[in-house]
Amino acid sequence: MKGFYKIFQLVALVCTMCLTACTVSYKLNGASIDYTTTKTISFEQFPIKAPLVYTPLAVNFNDELQSKYASQTRLSQVRTDGDLQISGAITGYSLSPTAVKSDAYASQTRLTIKVKVKFVNKNNKAENFEQDFSAYRDFDATRLLTDVQDDLCNEMIDELVEAIFNATVAQW
């Protein structure tokens, strides 16, 4: 029994040493932010600079972008000069045929949204970038854009916001 007790003590000691010597960090939201140096984020409104304009797009995109960072990080949102700064513009909102039937009419139409993003990390300038992001959805050409654009835009906004979040703070 004395041998079992010594083995138990040795295993407990090794486990304690491993737990105190190593730190495992896992974040469920995917953000990899050093909150000791990065505490704030600022957003400029993304205006629509596309030839075709869908008015609710800018408001919905800006709201979703800010909401994503509010819910997935502990960063405080400030008006200007945050430790992280995100700005840009919606540069594209377009329709194009993607599939043509034998009678030369489109059977599918593609709605595309393009966003130009400028990201600044004041604490790590190596992470700064300017990048274009885009998302698209196809829909049946027999449907009117006005019937599908709200749902399609919401899906694409979610996709764009996720991609921007991953590129800026998730480091994927």
N, C-alpha and C. Protein backbone atom coordinates (compact mmCIF):
# COMPACT_ATOMS: atom_id res chain seq x y z
N MET A 1 0.82 -1.20 0.00
CA MET A 1 0.00 0.00 0.00
C MET A 1 0.86 1.26 0.00
N LYS A 2 2.06 1.16 0.68
CA LYS A 2 2.95 2.29 0.74
C LYS A 2 3.46 2.66 -0.66
N GLY A 3 3.71 1.66 -1.52
CA GLY A 3 4.17 1.91 -2.89
C GLY A 3 3.12 2.61 -3.72
N PHE A 4 1.86 2.20 -3.55
CA PHE A 4 0.74 2.84 -4.26
C PHE A 4 0.63 4.31 -3.89
N TYR A 5 0.79 4.62 -2.61
CA TYR A 5 0.69 6.00 -2.12
C TYR A 5 1.81 6.85 -2.72
N LYS A 6 3.03 6.31 -2.82
CA LYS A 6 4.15 7.05 -3.40
C LYS A 6 3.92 7.30 -4.90
N ILE A 7 3.40 6.31 -5.62
CA ILE A 7 3.10 6.48 -7.04
C ILE A 7 2.01 7.55 -7.21
N PHE A 8 1.00 7.50 -6.36
CA PHE A 8 -0.07 8.49 -6.40
C PHE A 8 0.48 9.90 -6.18
N GLN A 9 1.38 10.05 -5.20
CA GLN A 9 1.97 11.36 -4.93
C GLN A 9 2.79 11.84 -6.13
N LEU A 10 3.53 10.93 -6.75
CA LEU A 10 4.35 11.29 -7.90
C LEU A 10 3.48 11.74 -9.07
N VAL A 11 2.42 11.01 -9.34
CA VAL A 11 1.50 11.37 -10.43
C VAL A 11 0.86 12.73 -10.14
N ALA A 12 0.45 12.95 -8.89
CA ALA A 12 -0.16 14.23 -8.51
C ALA A 12 0.84 15.37 -8.67
N LEU A 13 2.08 15.14 -8.31
CA LEU A 13 3.11 16.17 -8.44
C LEU A 13 3.36 16.51 -9.91
N VAL A 14 3.46 15.49 -10.75
CA VAL A 14 3.69 15.71 -12.18
C VAL A 14 2.52 16.47 -12.79
N CYS A 15 1.29 16.09 -12.45
CA CYS A 15 0.10 16.78 -12.96
C CYS A 15 0.09 18.24 -12.52
N THR A 16 0.41 18.48 -11.28
CA THR A 16 0.44 19.85 -10.76
C THR A 16 1.48 20.68 -11.48
N MET A 17 2.65 20.10 -11.70
CA MET A 17 3.71 20.82 -12.41
C MET A 17 3.30 21.14 -13.84
N CYS A 18 2.66 20.19 -14.50
CA CYS A 18 2.22 20.43 -15.88
C CYS A 18 1.16 21.52 -15.95
N LEU A 19 0.24 21.49 -15.02
CA LEU A 19 -0.84 22.49 -15.03
C LEU A 19 -0.34 23.88 -14.71
N THR A 20 0.64 24.00 -13.84
CA THR A 20 1.14 25.33 -13.50
C THR A 20 2.19 25.82 -14.48
N ALA A 21 2.84 24.94 -15.19
CA ALA A 21 3.90 25.34 -16.12
C ALA A 21 3.34 25.74 -17.48
N CYS A 22 2.21 25.21 -17.86
CA CYS A 22 1.65 25.47 -19.18
C CYS A 22 0.28 26.11 -19.04
N THR A 23 0.00 27.00 -19.97
CA THR A 23 -1.32 27.60 -20.01
C THR A 23 -1.93 27.28 -21.35
N VAL A 24 -3.10 26.73 -21.34
CA VAL A 24 -3.81 26.43 -22.56
C VAL A 24 -4.90 27.48 -22.70
N SER A 25 -4.93 28.12 -23.86
CA SER A 25 -5.92 29.15 -24.11
C SER A 25 -6.77 28.74 -25.30
N TYR A 26 -8.07 28.63 -25.09
CA TYR A 26 -8.98 28.29 -26.16
C TYR A 26 -10.16 29.23 -26.08
N LYS A 27 -10.44 29.90 -27.18
CA LYS A 27 -11.53 30.86 -27.20
C LYS A 27 -12.62 30.31 -28.11
N LEU A 28 -13.82 30.21 -27.59
CA LEU A 28 -14.92 29.66 -28.38
C LEU A 28 -15.34 30.59 -29.51
N ASN A 29 -15.12 31.89 -29.37
CA ASN A 29 -15.54 32.81 -30.41
C ASN A 29 -14.53 32.95 -31.53
N GLY A 30 -13.35 32.38 -31.38
CA GLY A 30 -12.35 32.43 -32.42
C GLY A 30 -11.49 33.67 -32.41
N ALA A 31 -11.79 34.64 -31.57
CA ALA A 31 -11.00 35.87 -31.54
C ALA A 31 -9.69 35.62 -30.82
N SER A 32 -8.62 36.16 -31.39
CA SER A 32 -7.32 36.04 -30.74
C SER A 32 -6.80 37.46 -30.48
N ILE A 33 -7.28 38.04 -29.42
CA ILE A 33 -6.97 39.43 -29.08
C ILE A 33 -6.24 39.45 -27.75
N ASP A 34 -5.17 40.22 -27.69
CA ASP A 34 -4.46 40.43 -26.43
C ASP A 34 -5.15 41.60 -25.72
N TYR A 35 -6.03 41.29 -24.81
CA TYR A 35 -6.82 42.32 -24.14
C TYR A 35 -5.99 43.16 -23.17
N THR A 36 -4.75 42.78 -22.91
CA THR A 36 -3.91 43.62 -22.05
C THR A 36 -3.45 44.87 -22.79
N THR A 37 -3.33 44.77 -24.12
CA THR A 37 -2.89 45.93 -24.91
C THR A 37 -3.98 46.46 -25.83
N THR A 38 -4.94 45.63 -26.17
CA THR A 38 -6.00 46.03 -27.10
C THR A 38 -7.32 46.06 -26.35
N LYS A 39 -7.83 47.27 -26.16
CA LYS A 39 -9.04 47.43 -25.35
C LYS A 39 -10.21 48.06 -26.10
N THR A 40 -9.93 48.77 -27.21
CA THR A 40 -10.98 49.50 -27.89
C THR A 40 -10.99 49.22 -29.38
N ILE A 41 -12.14 49.47 -30.00
CA ILE A 41 -12.29 49.35 -31.44
C ILE A 41 -13.16 50.51 -31.91
N SER A 42 -12.82 51.05 -33.06
CA SER A 42 -13.64 52.11 -33.65
C SER A 42 -14.01 51.73 -35.08
N PHE A 43 -15.19 52.15 -35.47
CA PHE A 43 -15.72 51.87 -36.81
C PHE A 43 -16.08 53.18 -37.48
N GLU A 44 -15.73 53.30 -38.74
CA GLU A 44 -16.29 54.36 -39.55
C GLU A 44 -17.46 53.74 -40.30
N GLN A 45 -18.48 54.52 -40.58
CA GLN A 45 -19.61 54.01 -41.33
C GLN A 45 -19.16 53.65 -42.75
N PHE A 46 -19.63 52.53 -43.25
CA PHE A 46 -19.33 52.09 -44.60
C PHE A 46 -20.39 52.67 -45.54
N PRO A 47 -20.05 53.70 -46.31
CA PRO A 47 -21.03 54.24 -47.25
C PRO A 47 -21.15 53.37 -48.49
N ILE A 48 -22.22 53.53 -49.22
CA ILE A 48 -22.39 52.82 -50.48
C ILE A 48 -21.76 53.66 -51.58
N LYS A 49 -20.77 53.10 -52.25
CA LYS A 49 -20.11 53.77 -53.36
C LYS A 49 -20.26 52.94 -54.63
N ALA A 50 -21.33 52.19 -54.69
CA ALA A 50 -21.60 51.33 -55.84
C ALA A 50 -22.54 52.07 -56.79
N PRO A 51 -22.46 51.79 -58.09
CA PRO A 51 -23.36 52.43 -59.04
C PRO A 51 -24.84 52.10 -58.77
N LEU A 52 -25.12 50.87 -58.38
CA LEU A 52 -26.48 50.46 -58.03
C LEU A 52 -26.61 50.53 -56.52
N VAL A 53 -27.64 51.21 -56.03
CA VAL A 53 -27.77 51.45 -54.60
C VAL A 53 -29.03 50.79 -54.06
N TYR A 54 -28.86 50.03 -52.98
CA TYR A 54 -29.97 49.48 -52.21
C TYR A 54 -29.85 50.11 -50.83
N THR A 55 -30.67 51.09 -50.54
CA THR A 55 -30.53 51.96 -49.38
C THR A 55 -30.36 51.23 -48.05
N PRO A 56 -31.16 50.21 -47.72
CA PRO A 56 -30.99 49.56 -46.41
C PRO A 56 -29.66 48.82 -46.24
N LEU A 57 -28.94 48.58 -47.33
CA LEU A 57 -27.72 47.80 -47.27
C LEU A 57 -26.69 48.40 -46.33
N ALA A 58 -26.43 49.70 -46.43
CA ALA A 58 -25.40 50.33 -45.61
C ALA A 58 -25.75 50.26 -44.13
N VAL A 59 -26.98 50.57 -43.79
CA VAL A 59 -27.40 50.54 -42.38
C VAL A 59 -27.30 49.13 -41.82
N ASN A 60 -27.82 48.16 -42.56
CA ASN A 60 -27.80 46.77 -42.10
C ASN A 60 -26.37 46.25 -41.96
N PHE A 61 -25.52 46.56 -42.94
CA PHE A 61 -24.14 46.10 -42.89
C PHE A 61 -23.41 46.71 -41.70
N ASN A 62 -23.51 48.02 -41.53
CA ASN A 62 -22.84 48.70 -40.41
C ASN A 62 -23.31 48.16 -39.06
N ASP A 63 -24.61 47.96 -38.92
CA ASP A 63 -25.15 47.44 -37.66
C ASP A 63 -24.64 46.03 -37.36
N GLU A 64 -24.65 45.17 -38.37
CA GLU A 64 -24.20 43.79 -38.18
C GLU A 64 -22.71 43.71 -37.87
N LEU A 65 -21.92 44.55 -38.54
CA LEU A 65 -20.48 44.54 -38.32
C LEU A 65 -20.17 44.93 -36.87
N GLN A 66 -20.76 46.00 -36.40
CA GLN A 66 -20.51 46.44 -35.03
C GLN A 66 -21.06 45.45 -34.01
N SER A 67 -22.20 44.88 -34.31
CA SER A 67 -22.81 43.90 -33.41
C SER A 67 -21.94 42.65 -33.26
N LYS A 68 -21.30 42.23 -34.34
CA LYS A 68 -20.44 41.04 -34.30
C LYS A 68 -19.29 41.24 -33.31
N TYR A 69 -18.64 42.38 -33.37
CA TYR A 69 -17.52 42.65 -32.47
C TYR A 69 -17.99 42.85 -31.03
N ALA A 70 -19.17 43.43 -30.87
CA ALA A 70 -19.72 43.63 -29.52
C ALA A 70 -20.05 42.29 -28.87
N SER A 71 -20.57 41.35 -29.65
CA SER A 71 -20.99 40.08 -29.06
C SER A 71 -19.86 39.05 -28.98
N GLN A 72 -18.84 39.18 -29.84
CA GLN A 72 -17.80 38.16 -29.90
C GLN A 72 -16.47 38.58 -29.27
N THR A 73 -16.36 39.83 -28.82
CA THR A 73 -15.12 40.29 -28.18
C THR A 73 -15.47 41.09 -26.93
N ARG A 74 -14.44 41.42 -26.16
CA ARG A 74 -14.62 42.28 -24.99
C ARG A 74 -14.14 43.70 -25.27
N LEU A 75 -13.98 44.04 -26.53
CA LEU A 75 -13.51 45.37 -26.90
C LEU A 75 -14.60 46.41 -26.67
N SER A 76 -14.19 47.56 -26.15
CA SER A 76 -15.12 48.69 -26.00
C SER A 76 -15.14 49.45 -27.32
N GLN A 77 -16.35 49.78 -27.77
CA GLN A 77 -16.46 50.54 -29.00
C GLN A 77 -16.36 52.03 -28.69
N VAL A 78 -15.46 52.70 -29.40
CA VAL A 78 -15.27 54.14 -29.24
C VAL A 78 -15.51 54.80 -30.60
N ARG A 79 -15.81 56.09 -30.58
CA ARG A 79 -16.13 56.80 -31.83
C ARG A 79 -14.94 56.86 -32.79
N THR A 80 -13.77 57.23 -32.26
CA THR A 80 -12.59 57.38 -33.12
C THR A 80 -11.35 56.88 -32.40
N ASP A 81 -10.32 56.61 -33.19
CA ASP A 81 -8.99 56.31 -32.69
C ASP A 81 -8.94 55.10 -31.73
N GLY A 82 -9.66 54.03 -32.07
CA GLY A 82 -9.59 52.82 -31.26
C GLY A 82 -8.26 52.11 -31.46
N ASP A 83 -7.96 51.19 -30.57
CA ASP A 83 -6.76 50.36 -30.74
C ASP A 83 -6.85 49.59 -32.05
N LEU A 84 -8.05 49.15 -32.39
CA LEU A 84 -8.35 48.56 -33.69
C LEU A 84 -9.30 49.50 -34.41
N GLN A 85 -9.07 49.72 -35.69
CA GLN A 85 -9.90 50.64 -36.47
C GLN A 85 -10.34 49.96 -37.76
N ILE A 86 -11.64 50.02 -38.01
CA ILE A 86 -12.18 49.41 -39.22
C ILE A 86 -12.95 50.47 -39.99
N SER A 87 -12.59 50.60 -41.27
CA SER A 87 -13.27 51.55 -42.14
C SER A 87 -13.36 50.95 -43.53
N GLY A 88 -14.10 51.62 -44.39
CA GLY A 88 -14.21 51.14 -45.76
C GLY A 88 -15.45 51.63 -46.44
N ALA A 89 -15.86 50.91 -47.47
CA ALA A 89 -17.02 51.29 -48.25
C ALA A 89 -17.61 50.06 -48.93
N ILE A 90 -18.89 50.14 -49.19
CA ILE A 90 -19.57 49.13 -50.01
C ILE A 90 -19.35 49.57 -51.44
N THR A 91 -18.51 48.86 -52.16
CA THR A 91 -18.07 49.29 -53.49
C THR A 91 -18.83 48.63 -54.63
N GLY A 92 -19.59 47.59 -54.31
CA GLY A 92 -20.32 46.92 -55.38
C GLY A 92 -21.63 46.35 -54.90
N TYR A 93 -22.65 46.53 -55.71
CA TYR A 93 -23.96 45.92 -55.53
C TYR A 93 -24.46 45.71 -56.94
N SER A 94 -24.36 44.47 -57.42
CA SER A 94 -24.63 44.26 -58.84
C SER A 94 -25.40 42.98 -59.10
N LEU A 95 -26.05 42.99 -60.25
CA LEU A 95 -26.79 41.83 -60.76
C LEU A 95 -26.14 41.39 -62.07
N SER A 96 -26.06 40.07 -62.25
CA SER A 96 -25.54 39.55 -63.51
C SER A 96 -26.17 38.19 -63.79
N PRO A 97 -26.41 37.89 -65.07
CA PRO A 97 -26.95 36.57 -65.40
C PRO A 97 -25.86 35.52 -65.21
N THR A 98 -26.25 34.35 -64.69
CA THR A 98 -25.25 33.29 -64.49
C THR A 98 -25.55 32.04 -65.30
N ALA A 99 -26.77 31.85 -65.67
CA ALA A 99 -27.13 30.68 -66.49
C ALA A 99 -28.12 31.14 -67.55
N VAL A 100 -27.91 30.67 -68.76
CA VAL A 100 -28.74 31.08 -69.88
C VAL A 100 -29.47 29.86 -70.43
N LYS A 101 -30.76 30.04 -70.67
CA LYS A 101 -31.58 28.97 -71.24
C LYS A 101 -31.38 28.93 -72.76
N SER A 102 -31.96 27.93 -73.40
CA SER A 102 -31.81 27.77 -74.84
C SER A 102 -32.42 28.93 -75.62
N ASP A 103 -33.37 29.64 -75.02
CA ASP A 103 -33.98 30.78 -75.72
C ASP A 103 -33.19 32.08 -75.49
N ALA A 104 -31.99 31.96 -74.94
CA ALA A 104 -31.06 33.09 -74.72
C ALA A 104 -31.47 34.01 -73.57
N TYR A 105 -32.44 33.61 -72.78
CA TYR A 105 -32.80 34.38 -71.60
C TYR A 105 -32.15 33.75 -70.37
N ALA A 106 -31.87 34.58 -69.39
CA ALA A 106 -31.21 34.09 -68.17
C ALA A 106 -32.17 33.24 -67.36
N SER A 107 -31.66 32.15 -66.82
CA SER A 107 -32.47 31.32 -65.92
C SER A 107 -32.08 31.55 -64.47
N GLN A 108 -30.85 32.05 -64.27
CA GLN A 108 -30.36 32.37 -62.93
C GLN A 108 -29.73 33.76 -62.96
N THR A 109 -29.93 34.49 -61.87
CA THR A 109 -29.32 35.81 -61.73
C THR A 109 -28.49 35.80 -60.47
N ARG A 110 -27.34 36.46 -60.53
CA ARG A 110 -26.44 36.54 -59.38
C ARG A 110 -26.46 37.96 -58.82
N LEU A 111 -26.70 38.04 -57.52
CA LEU A 111 -26.60 39.31 -56.80
C LEU A 111 -25.28 39.28 -56.03
N THR A 112 -24.45 40.30 -56.22
CA THR A 112 -23.13 40.35 -55.62
C THR A 112 -22.97 41.63 -54.82
N ILE A 113 -22.38 41.50 -53.63
CA ILE A 113 -22.02 42.65 -52.81
C ILE A 113 -20.51 42.62 -52.62
N LYS A 114 -19.87 43.77 -52.83
CA LYS A 114 -18.43 43.90 -52.63
C LYS A 114 -18.17 45.00 -51.60
N VAL A 115 -17.22 44.72 -50.71
CA VAL A 115 -16.87 45.66 -49.64
C VAL A 115 -15.36 45.82 -49.60
N LYS A 116 -14.90 47.05 -49.55
CA LYS A 116 -13.46 47.34 -49.36
C LYS A 116 -13.28 47.69 -47.90
N VAL A 117 -12.33 47.01 -47.24
CA VAL A 117 -12.10 47.19 -45.81
C VAL A 117 -10.66 47.64 -45.57
N LYS A 118 -10.52 48.64 -44.70
CA LYS A 118 -9.21 49.05 -44.21
C LYS A 118 -9.19 48.74 -42.72
N PHE A 119 -8.19 47.96 -42.31
CA PHE A 119 -8.04 47.57 -40.91
C PHE A 119 -6.72 48.11 -40.38
N VAL A 120 -6.79 48.76 -39.22
CA VAL A 120 -5.60 49.29 -38.57
C VAL A 120 -5.54 48.74 -37.15
N ASN A 121 -4.40 48.15 -36.81
CA ASN A 121 -4.14 47.70 -35.45
C ASN A 121 -3.01 48.59 -34.93
N LYS A 122 -3.33 49.53 -34.06
CA LYS A 122 -2.32 50.49 -33.57
C LYS A 122 -1.21 49.81 -32.79
N ASN A 123 -1.49 48.65 -32.22
CA ASN A 123 -0.50 47.95 -31.40
C ASN A 123 0.36 46.97 -32.20
N ASN A 124 -0.06 46.63 -33.39
CA ASN A 124 0.70 45.69 -34.22
C ASN A 124 0.50 46.07 -35.68
N LYS A 125 1.31 46.97 -36.17
CA LYS A 125 1.16 47.50 -37.52
C LYS A 125 1.30 46.43 -38.60
N ALA A 126 1.94 45.31 -38.27
CA ALA A 126 2.10 44.23 -39.25
C ALA A 126 0.75 43.62 -39.62
N GLU A 127 -0.27 43.80 -38.80
CA GLU A 127 -1.60 43.25 -39.07
C GLU A 127 -2.47 44.19 -39.89
N ASN A 128 -2.03 45.40 -40.15
CA ASN A 128 -2.81 46.36 -40.93
C ASN A 128 -3.00 45.84 -42.35
N PHE A 129 -4.18 46.10 -42.93
CA PHE A 129 -4.40 45.70 -44.32
C PHE A 129 -5.54 46.51 -44.93
N GLU A 130 -5.56 46.50 -46.24
CA GLU A 130 -6.70 46.93 -47.04
C GLU A 130 -7.05 45.76 -47.93
N GLN A 131 -8.31 45.36 -47.91
CA GLN A 131 -8.70 44.14 -48.63
C GLN A 131 -10.13 44.26 -49.12
N ASP A 132 -10.39 43.63 -50.25
CA ASP A 132 -11.75 43.56 -50.79
C ASP A 132 -12.37 42.22 -50.37
N PHE A 133 -13.62 42.29 -49.97
CA PHE A 133 -14.40 41.10 -49.63
C PHE A 133 -15.64 41.11 -50.51
N SER A 134 -16.09 39.92 -50.90
CA SER A 134 -17.32 39.86 -51.68
C SER A 134 -18.11 38.61 -51.33
N ALA A 135 -19.39 38.72 -51.59
CA ALA A 135 -20.30 37.59 -51.39
C ALA A 135 -21.36 37.66 -52.48
N TYR A 136 -21.88 36.52 -52.85
CA TYR A 136 -22.93 36.51 -53.87
C TYR A 136 -23.96 35.43 -53.57
N ARG A 137 -25.12 35.62 -54.14
CA ARG A 137 -26.18 34.62 -54.07
C ARG A 137 -26.86 34.58 -55.44
N ASP A 138 -27.19 33.38 -55.88
CA ASP A 138 -27.92 33.20 -57.13
C ASP A 138 -29.40 33.00 -56.82
N PHE A 139 -30.24 33.50 -57.70
CA PHE A 139 -31.68 33.28 -57.55
C PHE A 139 -32.29 33.09 -58.92
N ASP A 140 -33.47 32.49 -58.94
CA ASP A 140 -34.17 32.20 -60.17
C ASP A 140 -34.52 33.51 -60.87
N ALA A 141 -34.19 33.60 -62.15
CA ALA A 141 -34.39 34.83 -62.91
C ALA A 141 -35.87 35.17 -63.10
N THR A 142 -36.74 34.22 -62.84
CA THR A 142 -38.17 34.53 -62.96
C THR A 142 -38.68 35.30 -61.75
N ARG A 143 -37.88 35.37 -60.71
CA ARG A 143 -38.27 36.12 -59.50
C ARG A 143 -37.77 37.56 -59.61
N LEU A 144 -38.54 38.46 -59.04
CA LEU A 144 -38.13 39.86 -59.02
C LEU A 144 -37.10 40.08 -57.92
N LEU A 145 -36.15 40.96 -58.19
CA LEU A 145 -35.14 41.28 -57.19
C LEU A 145 -35.79 41.79 -55.91
N THR A 146 -36.81 42.58 -56.02
CA THR A 146 -37.48 43.13 -54.83
C THR A 146 -38.09 42.05 -53.95
N ASP A 147 -38.38 40.89 -54.53
CA ASP A 147 -38.95 39.79 -53.74
C ASP A 147 -37.88 39.04 -52.94
N VAL A 148 -36.64 39.06 -53.40
CA VAL A 148 -35.61 38.24 -52.77
C VAL A 148 -34.46 39.03 -52.13
N GLN A 149 -34.36 40.31 -52.44
CA GLN A 149 -33.15 41.02 -52.05
C GLN A 149 -32.96 41.17 -50.54
N ASP A 150 -34.03 41.34 -49.77
CA ASP A 150 -33.85 41.45 -48.31
C ASP A 150 -33.19 40.20 -47.73
N ASP A 151 -33.73 39.04 -48.07
CA ASP A 151 -33.18 37.79 -47.54
C ASP A 151 -31.77 37.54 -48.07
N LEU A 152 -31.56 37.75 -49.35
CA LEU A 152 -30.24 37.51 -49.93
C LEU A 152 -29.21 38.47 -49.34
N CYS A 153 -29.58 39.73 -49.19
CA CYS A 153 -28.64 40.71 -48.62
C CYS A 153 -28.29 40.34 -47.18
N ASN A 154 -29.26 39.93 -46.39
CA ASN A 154 -28.99 39.54 -45.01
C ASN A 154 -28.02 38.36 -44.95
N GLU A 155 -28.21 37.37 -45.82
CA GLU A 155 -27.29 36.23 -45.88
C GLU A 155 -25.88 36.68 -46.25
N MET A 156 -25.79 37.55 -47.25
CA MET A 156 -24.47 38.00 -47.71
C MET A 156 -23.80 38.90 -46.67
N ILE A 157 -24.59 39.73 -46.00
CA ILE A 157 -24.03 40.57 -44.93
C ILE A 157 -23.43 39.69 -43.85
N ASP A 158 -24.14 38.66 -43.44
CA ASP A 158 -23.62 37.73 -42.43
C ASP A 158 -22.30 37.10 -42.88
N GLU A 159 -22.25 36.70 -44.14
CA GLU A 159 -21.03 36.09 -44.69
C GLU A 159 -19.88 37.09 -44.72
N LEU A 160 -20.16 38.30 -45.16
CA LEU A 160 -19.12 39.34 -45.23
C LEU A 160 -18.60 39.71 -43.85
N VAL A 161 -19.52 39.89 -42.91
CA VAL A 161 -19.12 40.25 -41.54
C VAL A 161 -18.26 39.15 -40.92
N GLU A 162 -18.63 37.91 -41.14
CA GLU A 162 -17.84 36.78 -40.62
C GLU A 162 -16.44 36.78 -41.23
N ALA A 163 -16.36 37.02 -42.53
CA ALA A 163 -15.05 37.04 -43.20
C ALA A 163 -14.19 38.19 -42.69
N ILE A 164 -14.79 39.35 -42.48
CA ILE A 164 -14.05 40.51 -41.98
C ILE A 164 -13.60 40.26 -40.54
N PHE A 165 -14.47 39.70 -39.72
CA PHE A 165 -14.12 39.37 -38.34
C PHE A 165 -12.94 38.40 -38.31
N ASN A 166 -13.01 37.36 -39.11
CA ASN A 166 -11.93 36.38 -39.16
C ASN A 166 -10.61 37.00 -39.63
N ALA A 167 -10.68 37.89 -40.60
CA ALA A 167 -9.46 38.51 -41.12
C ALA A 167 -8.84 39.50 -40.14
N THR A 168 -9.66 40.11 -39.29
CA THR A 168 -9.16 41.15 -38.41
C THR A 168 -8.75 40.63 -37.03
N VAL A 169 -9.58 39.86 -36.39
CA VAL A 169 -9.27 39.46 -35.02
C VAL A 169 -9.19 37.96 -34.78
N ALA A 170 -9.66 37.15 -35.70
CA ALA A 170 -9.61 35.70 -35.47
C ALA A 170 -8.29 35.11 -35.92
N GLN A 171 -7.59 35.79 -36.81
CA GLN A 171 -6.28 35.34 -37.29
C GLN A 171 -6.33 33.93 -37.85
N TRP A 172 -7.33 33.63 -38.66
CA TRP A 172 -7.46 32.29 -39.25
C TRP A 172 -6.70 32.24 -40.54
